Amino acid sequence: MGVKIKIFDEEHEKDLEEAVNVFLRDVAAVDLIDVKFQLSHFSDGPGQIFSYSAMIIYKYHD
């Protein structure tokens, strides 16, 4: 058994939510160690670009 991470990065919060939920379907609750979330944004000319990201830390079995 070891530890792995999975990183997600999306431009919309709903896209991040969906991607994380799909991934978590295959991870048993006892194997989930932690979930980290981050939101960042920056200006791109007249508009703003948002980046919603998450890192999932989990145990995996060989």
PDB file of N, CA and C in Angstrom:
ATOM      1  N   MET A   1       0.851  -1.180   0.000  1.00  0.00           N
ATOM      2  CA  MET A   1       0.000   0.000   0.000  1.00  0.00           C
ATOM      3  C   MET A   1       0.894   1.239   0.000  1.00  0.00           C
ATOM      4  N   GLY A   2       0.481   2.277  -0.724  1.00  0.00           N
ATOM      5  CA  GLY A   2       1.221   3.522  -0.790  1.00  0.00           C
ATOM      6  C   GLY A   2       0.277   4.703  -0.776  1.00  0.00           C
ATOM      7  N   VAL A   3       0.843   5.872  -0.971  1.00  0.00           N
ATOM      8  CA  VAL A   3       0.061   7.108  -1.007  1.00  0.00           C
ATOM      9  C   VAL A   3       0.260   7.754  -2.369  1.00  0.00           C
ATOM     10  N   LYS A   4      -0.829   8.250  -2.934  1.00  0.00           N
ATOM     11  CA  LYS A   4      -0.792   8.962  -4.207  1.00  0.00           C
ATOM     12  C   LYS A   4      -1.563  10.257  -4.072  1.00  0.00           C
ATOM     13  N   ILE A   5      -1.353  11.145  -5.052  1.00  0.00           N
ATOM     14  CA  ILE A   5      -2.162  12.355  -5.147  1.00  0.00           C
ATOM     15  C   ILE A   5      -2.771  12.433  -6.538  1.00  0.00           C
ATOM     16  N   LYS A   6      -3.883  13.129  -6.631  1.00  0.00           N
ATOM     17  CA  LYS A   6      -4.536  13.426  -7.900  1.00  0.00           C
ATOM     18  C   LYS A   6      -4.844  14.917  -7.883  1.00  0.00           C
ATOM     19  N   ILE A   7      -4.448  15.610  -8.947  1.00  0.00           N
ATOM     20  CA  ILE A   7      -4.645  17.061  -9.016  1.00  0.00           C
ATOM     21  C   ILE A   7      -5.638  17.393 -10.117  1.00  0.00           C
ATOM     22  N   PHE A   8      -6.551  18.292  -9.808  1.00  0.00           N
ATOM     23  CA  PHE A   8      -7.562  18.764 -10.749  1.00  0.00           C
ATOM     24  C   PHE A   8      -7.427  20.272 -10.880  1.00  0.00           C
ATOM     25  N   ASP A   9      -7.680  20.790 -12.081  1.00  0.00           N
ATOM     26  CA  ASP A   9      -7.658  22.236 -12.323  1.00  0.00           C
ATOM     27  C   ASP A   9      -8.717  22.554 -13.369  1.00  0.00           C
ATOM     28  N   GLU A  10      -9.673  23.374 -12.998  1.00  0.00           N
ATOM     29  CA  GLU A  10     -10.779  23.715 -13.893  1.00  0.00           C
ATOM     30  C   GLU A  10     -11.038  25.214 -13.860  1.00  0.00           C
ATOM     31  N   GLU A  11     -11.664  25.729 -14.909  1.00  0.00           N
ATOM     32  CA  GLU A  11     -11.999  27.151 -14.972  1.00  0.00           C
ATOM     33  C   GLU A  11     -13.327  27.484 -14.302  1.00  0.00           C
ATOM     34  N   HIS A  12     -14.154  26.467 -14.045  1.00  0.00           N
ATOM     35  CA  HIS A  12     -15.459  26.681 -13.409  1.00  0.00           C
ATOM     36  C   HIS A  12     -15.607  25.739 -12.219  1.00  0.00           C
ATOM     37  N   GLU A  13     -16.191  26.261 -11.141  1.00  0.00           N
ATOM     38  CA  GLU A  13     -16.324  25.463  -9.925  1.00  0.00           C
ATOM     39  C   GLU A  13     -17.168  24.208 -10.128  1.00  0.00           C
ATOM     40  N   LYS A  14     -18.195  24.284 -10.948  1.00  0.00           N
ATOM     41  CA  LYS A  14     -19.040  23.103 -11.198  1.00  0.00           C
ATOM     42  C   LYS A  14     -18.260  22.022 -11.945  1.00  0.00           C
ATOM     43  N   ASP A  15     -17.359  22.418 -12.848  1.00  0.00           N
ATOM     44  CA  ASP A  15     -16.521  21.445 -13.552  1.00  0.00           C
ATOM     45  C   ASP A  15     -15.575  20.744 -12.579  1.00  0.00           C
ATOM     46  N   LEU A  16     -15.016  21.504 -11.642  1.00  0.00           N
ATOM     47  CA  LEU A  16     -14.140  20.910 -10.634  1.00  0.00           C
ATOM     48  C   LEU A  16     -14.928  19.942  -9.757  1.00  0.00           C
ATOM     49  N   GLU A  17     -16.097  20.362  -9.331  1.00  0.00           N
ATOM     50  CA  GLU A  17     -16.944  19.510  -8.492  1.00  0.00           C
ATOM     51  C   GLU A  17     -17.250  18.190  -9.192  1.00  0.00           C
ATOM     52  N   GLU A  18     -17.609  18.260 -10.444  1.00  0.00           N
ATOM     53  CA  GLU A  18     -17.933  17.046 -11.186  1.00  0.00           C
ATOM     54  C   GLU A  18     -16.716  16.140 -11.349  1.00  0.00           C
ATOM     55  N   ALA A  19     -15.571  16.700 -11.703  1.00  0.00           N
ATOM     56  CA  ALA A  19     -14.357  15.907 -11.894  1.00  0.00           C
ATOM     57  C   ALA A  19     -13.933  15.216 -10.600  1.00  0.00           C
ATOM     58  N   VAL A  20     -13.987  15.942  -9.489  1.00  0.00           N
ATOM     59  CA  VAL A  20     -13.607  15.360  -8.198  1.00  0.00           C
ATOM     60  C   VAL A  20     -14.595  14.264  -7.807  1.00  0.00           C
ATOM     61  N   ASN A  21     -15.882  14.497  -7.973  1.00  0.00           N
ATOM     62  CA  ASN A  21     -16.875  13.493  -7.622  1.00  0.00           C
ATOM     63  C   ASN A  21     -16.724  12.223  -8.456  1.00  0.00           C
ATOM     64  N   VAL A  22     -16.429  12.355  -9.731  1.00  0.00           N
ATOM     65  CA  VAL A  22     -16.209  11.183 -10.586  1.00  0.00           C
ATOM     66  C   VAL A  22     -15.004  10.398 -10.084  1.00  0.00           C
ATOM     67  N   PHE A  23     -13.914  11.096  -9.765  1.00  0.00           N
ATOM     68  CA  PHE A  23     -12.723  10.416  -9.271  1.00  0.00           C
ATOM     69  C   PHE A  23     -12.997   9.708  -7.949  1.00  0.00           C
ATOM     70  N   LEU A  24     -13.724  10.375  -7.047  1.00  0.00           N
ATOM     71  CA  LEU A  24     -13.967   9.810  -5.717  1.00  0.00           C
ATOM     72  C   LEU A  24     -14.856   8.573  -5.740  1.00  0.00           C
ATOM     73  N   ARG A  25     -15.574   8.346  -6.816  1.00  0.00           N
ATOM     74  CA  ARG A  25     -16.388   7.127  -6.916  1.00  0.00           C
ATOM     75  C   ARG A  25     -15.534   5.870  -6.800  1.00  0.00           C
ATOM     76  N   ASP A  26     -14.266   5.972  -7.222  1.00  0.00           N
ATOM     77  CA  ASP A  26     -13.376   4.815  -7.218  1.00  0.00           C
ATOM     78  C   ASP A  26     -12.437   4.766  -6.010  1.00  0.00           C
ATOM     79  N   VAL A  27     -12.571   5.732  -5.102  1.00  0.00           N
ATOM     80  CA  VAL A  27     -11.714   5.757  -3.914  1.00  0.00           C
ATOM     81  C   VAL A  27     -12.582   5.446  -2.696  1.00  0.00           C
ATOM     82  N   ALA A  28     -12.224   4.376  -1.987  1.00  0.00           N
ATOM     83  CA  ALA A  28     -12.979   4.015  -0.779  1.00  0.00           C
ATOM     84  C   ALA A  28     -12.779   5.092   0.289  1.00  0.00           C
ATOM     85  N   ALA A  29     -13.806   5.330   1.083  1.00  0.00           N
ATOM     86  CA  ALA A  29     -13.747   6.375   2.110  1.00  0.00           C
ATOM     87  C   ALA A  29     -12.584   6.151   3.075  1.00  0.00           C
ATOM     88  N   VAL A  30     -12.276   4.899   3.374  1.00  0.00           N
ATOM     89  CA  VAL A  30     -11.174   4.621   4.303  1.00  0.00           C
ATOM     90  C   VAL A  30      -9.813   4.927   3.680  1.00  0.00           C
ATOM     91  N   ASP A  31      -9.746   5.010   2.348  1.00  0.00           N
ATOM     92  CA  ASP A  31      -8.490   5.303   1.663  1.00  0.00           C
ATOM     93  C   ASP A  31      -8.269   6.792   1.443  1.00  0.00           C
ATOM     94  N   LEU A  32      -9.275   7.606   1.646  1.00  0.00           N
ATOM     95  CA  LEU A  32      -9.171   9.047   1.457  1.00  0.00           C
ATOM     96  C   LEU A  32      -8.424   9.657   2.642  1.00  0.00           C
ATOM     97  N   ILE A  33      -7.342  10.377   2.361  1.00  0.00           N
ATOM     98  CA  ILE A  33      -6.548  10.987   3.425  1.00  0.00           C
ATOM     99  C   ILE A  33      -6.918  12.461   3.594  1.00  0.00           C
ATOM    100  N   ASP A  34      -6.955  13.211   2.485  1.00  0.00           N
ATOM    101  CA  ASP A  34      -7.231  14.645   2.588  1.00  0.00           C
ATOM    102  C   ASP A  34      -7.604  15.200   1.220  1.00  0.00           C
ATOM    103  N   VAL A  35      -8.308  16.321   1.234  1.00  0.00           N
ATOM    104  CA  VAL A  35      -8.633  17.063   0.014  1.00  0.00           C
ATOM    105  C   VAL A  35      -8.255  18.518   0.266  1.00  0.00           C
ATOM    106  N   LYS A  36      -7.459  19.085  -0.624  1.00  0.00           N
ATOM    107  CA  LYS A  36      -7.063  20.489  -0.536  1.00  0.00           C
ATOM    108  C   LYS A  36      -7.731  21.229  -1.699  1.00  0.00           C
ATOM    109  N   PHE A  37      -8.187  22.438  -1.434  1.00  0.00           N
ATOM    110  CA  PHE A  37      -8.878  23.242  -2.447  1.00  0.00           C
ATOM    111  C   PHE A  37      -8.207  24.594  -2.548  1.00  0.00           C
ATOM    112  N   GLN A  38      -8.162  25.133  -3.769  1.00  0.00           N
ATOM    113  CA  GLN A  38      -7.588  26.471  -3.961  1.00  0.00           C
ATOM    114  C   GLN A  38      -8.314  27.179  -5.092  1.00  0.00           C
ATOM    115  N   LEU A  39      -8.491  28.455  -4.919  1.00  0.00           N
ATOM    116  CA  LEU A  39      -9.074  29.311  -5.955  1.00  0.00           C
ATOM    117  C   LEU A  39      -8.087  30.428  -6.238  1.00  0.00           C
ATOM    118  N   SER A  40      -7.804  30.650  -7.510  1.00  0.00           N
ATOM    119  CA  SER A  40      -6.966  31.781  -7.880  1.00  0.00           C
ATOM    120  C   SER A  40      -7.578  32.461  -9.100  1.00  0.00           C
ATOM    121  N   HIS A  41      -7.240  33.700  -9.289  1.00  0.00           N
ATOM    122  CA  HIS A  41      -7.744  34.430 -10.457  1.00  0.00           C
ATOM    123  C   HIS A  41      -6.730  35.489 -10.863  1.00  0.00           C
ATOM    124  N   PHE A  42      -6.793  35.853 -12.103  1.00  0.00           N
ATOM    125  CA  PHE A  42      -5.925  36.905 -12.604  1.00  0.00           C
ATOM    126  C   PHE A  42      -6.612  37.601 -13.764  1.00  0.00           C
ATOM    127  N   SER A  43      -6.124  38.780 -14.060  1.00  0.00           N
ATOM    128  CA  SER A  43      -6.704  39.588 -15.123  1.00  0.00           C
ATOM    129  C   SER A  43      -6.069  39.229 -16.454  1.00  0.00           C
ATOM    130  N   ASP A  44      -6.907  39.121 -17.467  1.00  0.00           N
ATOM    131  CA  ASP A  44      -6.448  38.857 -18.830  1.00  0.00           C
ATOM    132  C   ASP A  44      -7.072  39.919 -19.724  1.00  0.00           C
ATOM    133  N   GLY A  45      -6.492  41.099 -19.689  1.00  0.00           N
ATOM    134  CA  GLY A  45      -7.091  42.209 -20.420  1.00  0.00           C
ATOM    135  C   GLY A  45      -8.302  42.718 -19.678  1.00  0.00           C
ATOM    136  N   PRO A  46      -9.443  42.816 -20.374  1.00  0.00           N
ATOM    137  CA  PRO A  46     -10.637  43.365 -19.743  1.00  0.00           C
ATOM    138  C   PRO A  46     -11.351  42.376 -18.805  1.00  0.00           C
ATOM    139  N   GLY A  47     -11.047  41.098 -18.901  1.00  0.00           N
ATOM    140  CA  GLY A  47     -11.752  40.103 -18.081  1.00  0.00           C
ATOM    141  C   GLY A  47     -10.856  39.473 -17.037  1.00  0.00           C
ATOM    142  N   GLN A  48     -11.437  38.553 -16.287  1.00  0.00           N
ATOM    143  CA  GLN A  48     -10.700  37.809 -15.283  1.00  0.00           C
ATOM    144  C   GLN A  48     -10.774  36.325 -15.612  1.00  0.00           C
ATOM    145  N   ILE A  49      -9.711  35.623 -15.298  1.00  0.00           N
ATOM    146  CA  ILE A  49      -9.686  34.174 -15.467  1.00  0.00           C
ATOM    147  C   ILE A  49      -9.592  33.551 -14.083  1.00  0.00           C
ATOM    148  N   PHE A  50     -10.461  32.582 -13.829  1.00  0.00           N
ATOM    149  CA  PHE A  50     -10.473  31.895 -12.548  1.00  0.00           C
ATOM    150  C   PHE A  50      -9.911  30.490 -12.719  1.00  0.00           C
ATOM    151  N   SER A  51      -9.234  30.025 -11.694  1.00  0.00           N
ATOM    152  CA  SER A  51      -8.720  28.666 -11.676  1.00  0.00           C
ATOM    153  C   SER A  51      -9.134  28.021 -10.358  1.00  0.00           C
ATOM    154  N   TYR A  52      -9.955  26.996 -10.446  1.00  0.00           N
ATOM    155  CA  TYR A  52     -10.395  26.235  -9.287  1.00  0.00           C
ATOM    156  C   TYR A  52      -9.612  24.933  -9.295  1.00  0.00           C
ATOM    157  N   SER A  53      -8.886  24.662  -8.221  1.00  0.00           N
ATOM    158  CA  SER A  53      -8.085  23.449  -8.210  1.00  0.00           C
ATOM    159  C   SER A  53      -8.274  22.683  -6.907  1.00  0.00           C
ATOM    160  N   ALA A  54      -8.030  21.384  -7.005  1.00  0.00           N
ATOM    161  CA  ALA A  54      -8.131  20.508  -5.844  1.00  0.00           C
ATOM    162  C   ALA A  54      -7.046  19.450  -5.937  1.00  0.00           C
ATOM    163  N   MET A  55      -6.534  19.062  -4.795  1.00  0.00           N
ATOM    164  CA  MET A  55      -5.591  17.960  -4.702  1.00  0.00           C
ATOM    165  C   MET A  55      -6.171  16.932  -3.739  1.00  0.00           C
ATOM    166  N   ILE A  56      -6.265  15.713  -4.205  1.00  0.00           N
ATOM    167  CA  ILE A  56      -6.778  14.625  -3.382  1.00  0.00           C
ATOM    168  C   ILE A  56      -5.594  13.740  -3.009  1.00  0.00           C
ATOM    169  N   ILE A  57      -5.436  13.485  -1.719  1.00  0.00           N
ATOM    170  CA  ILE A  57      -4.392  12.597  -1.221  1.00  0.00           C
ATOM    171  C   ILE A  57      -5.090  11.322  -0.753  1.00  0.00           C
ATOM    172  N   TYR A  58      -4.630  10.193  -1.266  1.00  0.00           N
ATOM    173  CA  TYR A  58      -5.313   8.941  -0.955  1.00  0.00           C
ATOM    174  C   TYR A  58      -4.344   7.763  -0.917  1.00  0.00           C
ATOM    175  N   LYS A  59      -4.760   6.705  -0.245  1.00  0.00           N
ATOM    176  CA  LYS A  59      -3.994   5.458  -0.200  1.00  0.00           C
ATOM    177  C   LYS A  59      -4.368   4.613  -1.406  1.00  0.00           C
ATOM    178  N   TYR A  60      -3.399   3.916  -1.949  1.00  0.00           N
ATOM    179  CA  TYR A  60      -3.710   2.988  -3.022  1.00  0.00           C
ATOM    180  C   TYR A  60      -3.133   1.625  -2.674  1.00  0.00           C
ATOM    181  N   HIS A  61      -3.732   0.607  -3.233  1.00  0.00           N
ATOM    182  CA  HIS A  61      -3.323  -0.772  -2.974  1.00  0.00           C
ATOM    183  C   HIS A  61      -2.737  -1.352  -4.243  1.00  0.00           C
ATOM    184  N   ASP A  62      -1.586  -2.003  -4.119  1.00  0.00           N
ATOM    185  CA  ASP A  62      -0.936  -2.612  -5.274  1.00  0.00           C
ATOM    186  C   ASP A  62      -1.750  -3.757  -5.829  1.00  0.00           C
TER     187      ASP A  62
END
